[in-house]
Amino acid sequence: MEKPKQFKLNPCAKEFHPVQTPEESRTLFLTLSIGHPLTKDEIVNFFTENWGQVVEDAYFVEESQQGGPPLNGKIIFNSSLVVPMVLNGKNSAKFIVNNRNLYARTLHALARPLE
C-alpha cells in the first residue's frame, strides 16, 4: 500500500482570496465609423466568436451629438488577460465587424494623441 504524500504547507499562512482586477485594466474603448453603425449585440458577438465567453459587459453612448447612432463606447472583459490577446500585444487595433470598421484602444492609448 502506498504511503500518503506529505505536503509542506504553512499552517500559519493567510487564506487566499482572489480579487478581480480593476475594471480599467479589463476595458477597451471602442470607436465606430460615422454612417456605419454597429449594435451592442453585433460587437459582443464578434468578441465571443473570436475569443470565447470573454465579455462581461458593453456600454455605448446613447446617440451621437448629431442625433444619430452611437459612435463610441467601451467593452469590459472578464479578465485583464483578454485585452493583450484581443489587441495582439498592441495598444490599439482596427477590426472589421460585419463589413464595418471598429476601432479599439486601451485607456493608456487614449491618453496619447493619434499617430
Protein backbone atom coordinates (compact mmCIF):
# COMPACT_ATOMS: atom_id res chain seq x y z
CA MET A 1 0.00 0.00 0.00
CA GLU A 2 1.27 3.46 -0.94
CA LYS A 3 2.07 5.95 1.74
CA PRO A 4 0.02 9.20 1.52
CA LYS A 5 2.01 12.16 0.22
CA GLN A 6 3.03 14.74 2.76
CA PHE A 7 2.70 18.39 1.81
CA LYS A 8 4.70 21.12 3.47
CA LEU A 9 2.20 23.96 3.56
CA ASN A 10 2.50 26.78 6.00
CA PRO A 11 -0.24 26.24 8.60
CA CYS A 12 0.01 29.92 9.59
CA ALA A 13 -0.49 31.25 6.06
CA LYS A 14 -3.44 33.57 5.43
CA GLU A 15 -6.32 32.18 3.43
CA PHE A 16 -6.13 33.13 -0.26
CA HIS A 17 -8.99 35.24 -1.62
CA PRO A 18 -8.59 36.16 -5.29
CA VAL A 19 -9.66 39.67 -6.24
CA GLN A 20 -10.96 40.93 -9.56
CA THR A 21 -8.54 43.15 -11.44
CA PRO A 22 -9.63 46.79 -11.77
CA GLU A 23 -12.19 47.47 -14.48
CA GLU A 24 -9.90 49.88 -16.36
CA SER A 25 -7.35 47.08 -16.93
CA ARG A 26 -10.12 44.89 -18.44
CA THR A 27 -11.64 47.61 -20.66
CA LEU A 28 -11.27 48.61 -24.28
CA PHE A 29 -12.67 51.86 -25.60
CA LEU A 30 -14.45 51.48 -28.91
CA THR A 31 -14.97 53.92 -31.78
CA LEU A 32 -17.37 53.30 -34.64
CA SER A 33 -17.30 54.93 -38.06
CA ILE A 34 -19.83 57.66 -38.86
CA GLY A 35 -22.56 56.25 -41.08
CA HIS A 36 -21.58 52.64 -40.34
CA PRO A 37 -23.24 51.79 -37.00
CA LEU A 38 -22.92 48.52 -35.12
CA THR A 39 -25.25 47.26 -32.41
CA LYS A 40 -24.12 46.15 -28.98
CA ASP A 41 -25.11 42.57 -29.90
CA GLU A 42 -23.02 42.64 -33.08
CA ILE A 43 -19.97 43.80 -31.15
CA VAL A 44 -20.40 41.34 -28.26
CA ASN A 45 -20.98 38.50 -30.76
CA PHE A 46 -17.80 39.46 -32.64
CA PHE A 47 -15.66 39.18 -29.49
CA THR A 48 -17.43 36.00 -28.37
CA GLU A 49 -16.99 34.29 -31.75
CA ASN A 50 -13.29 35.17 -31.87
CA TRP A 51 -12.19 34.79 -28.22
CA GLY A 52 -14.94 32.83 -26.45
CA GLN A 53 -17.04 33.91 -23.45
CA VAL A 54 -14.79 36.84 -22.52
CA VAL A 55 -17.23 39.77 -22.40
CA GLU A 56 -18.53 40.91 -19.02
CA ASP A 57 -20.45 43.93 -20.36
CA ALA A 58 -20.53 46.61 -23.03
CA TYR A 59 -21.72 50.23 -22.84
CA PHE A 60 -22.38 52.69 -25.62
CA VAL A 61 -23.22 56.38 -25.76
CA GLU A 62 -26.97 56.50 -26.40
CA GLU A 63 -26.63 58.63 -29.51
CA SER A 64 -24.15 60.93 -31.16
CA GLN A 65 -24.34 64.72 -30.86
CA GLN A 66 -25.94 64.86 -34.29
CA GLY A 67 -28.76 62.58 -33.09
CA GLY A 68 -27.51 59.52 -34.99
CA PRO A 69 -26.42 56.11 -33.73
CA PRO A 70 -23.67 55.82 -31.07
CA LEU A 71 -20.11 56.44 -32.24
CA ASN A 72 -18.24 55.23 -29.16
CA GLY A 73 -18.45 53.02 -26.13
CA LYS A 74 -16.49 50.54 -24.08
CA ILE A 75 -16.33 46.81 -23.65
CA ILE A 76 -15.36 45.20 -20.35
CA PHE A 77 -13.84 41.74 -20.34
CA ASN A 78 -13.98 39.23 -17.50
CA SER A 79 -10.17 39.12 -17.26
CA SER A 80 -7.33 41.57 -17.86
CA LEU A 81 -5.55 38.80 -19.80
CA VAL A 82 -8.07 39.17 -22.63
CA VAL A 83 -7.01 42.73 -23.56
CA PRO A 84 -3.50 41.87 -24.84
CA MET A 85 -4.90 38.82 -26.67
CA VAL A 86 -7.52 40.93 -28.46
CA LEU A 87 -5.06 43.72 -29.30
CA ASN A 88 -2.26 41.28 -30.18
CA GLY A 89 0.07 42.96 -27.67
CA LYS A 90 -0.51 46.50 -29.02
CA ASN A 91 -2.35 49.50 -27.53
CA SER A 92 -4.96 49.72 -30.28
CA ALA A 93 -6.43 47.73 -33.15
CA LYS A 94 -8.87 48.00 -36.03
CA PHE A 95 -11.39 45.23 -36.61
CA ILE A 96 -13.87 44.59 -39.39
CA VAL A 97 -17.24 43.58 -37.93
CA ASN A 98 -19.97 42.77 -40.46
CA ASN A 99 -18.07 44.77 -43.11
CA ARG A 100 -17.85 47.84 -40.83
CA ASN A 101 -14.86 49.30 -39.01
CA LEU A 102 -14.48 49.01 -35.24
CA TYR A 103 -11.53 50.66 -33.53
CA ALA A 104 -10.43 49.53 -30.06
CA ARG A 105 -7.96 51.19 -27.68
CA THR A 106 -6.76 50.77 -24.13
CA LEU A 107 -7.13 53.56 -21.60
CA HIS A 108 -3.38 54.21 -21.88
CA ALA A 109 -3.64 54.60 -25.66
CA LEU A 110 -6.40 57.19 -25.22
CA ALA A 111 -4.04 59.40 -23.24
CA ARG A 112 -1.73 59.69 -26.26
CA PRO A 113 -2.54 61.56 -29.49
CA LEU A 114 -3.38 59.53 -32.58
CA GLU A 115 -0.41 58.81 -34.82
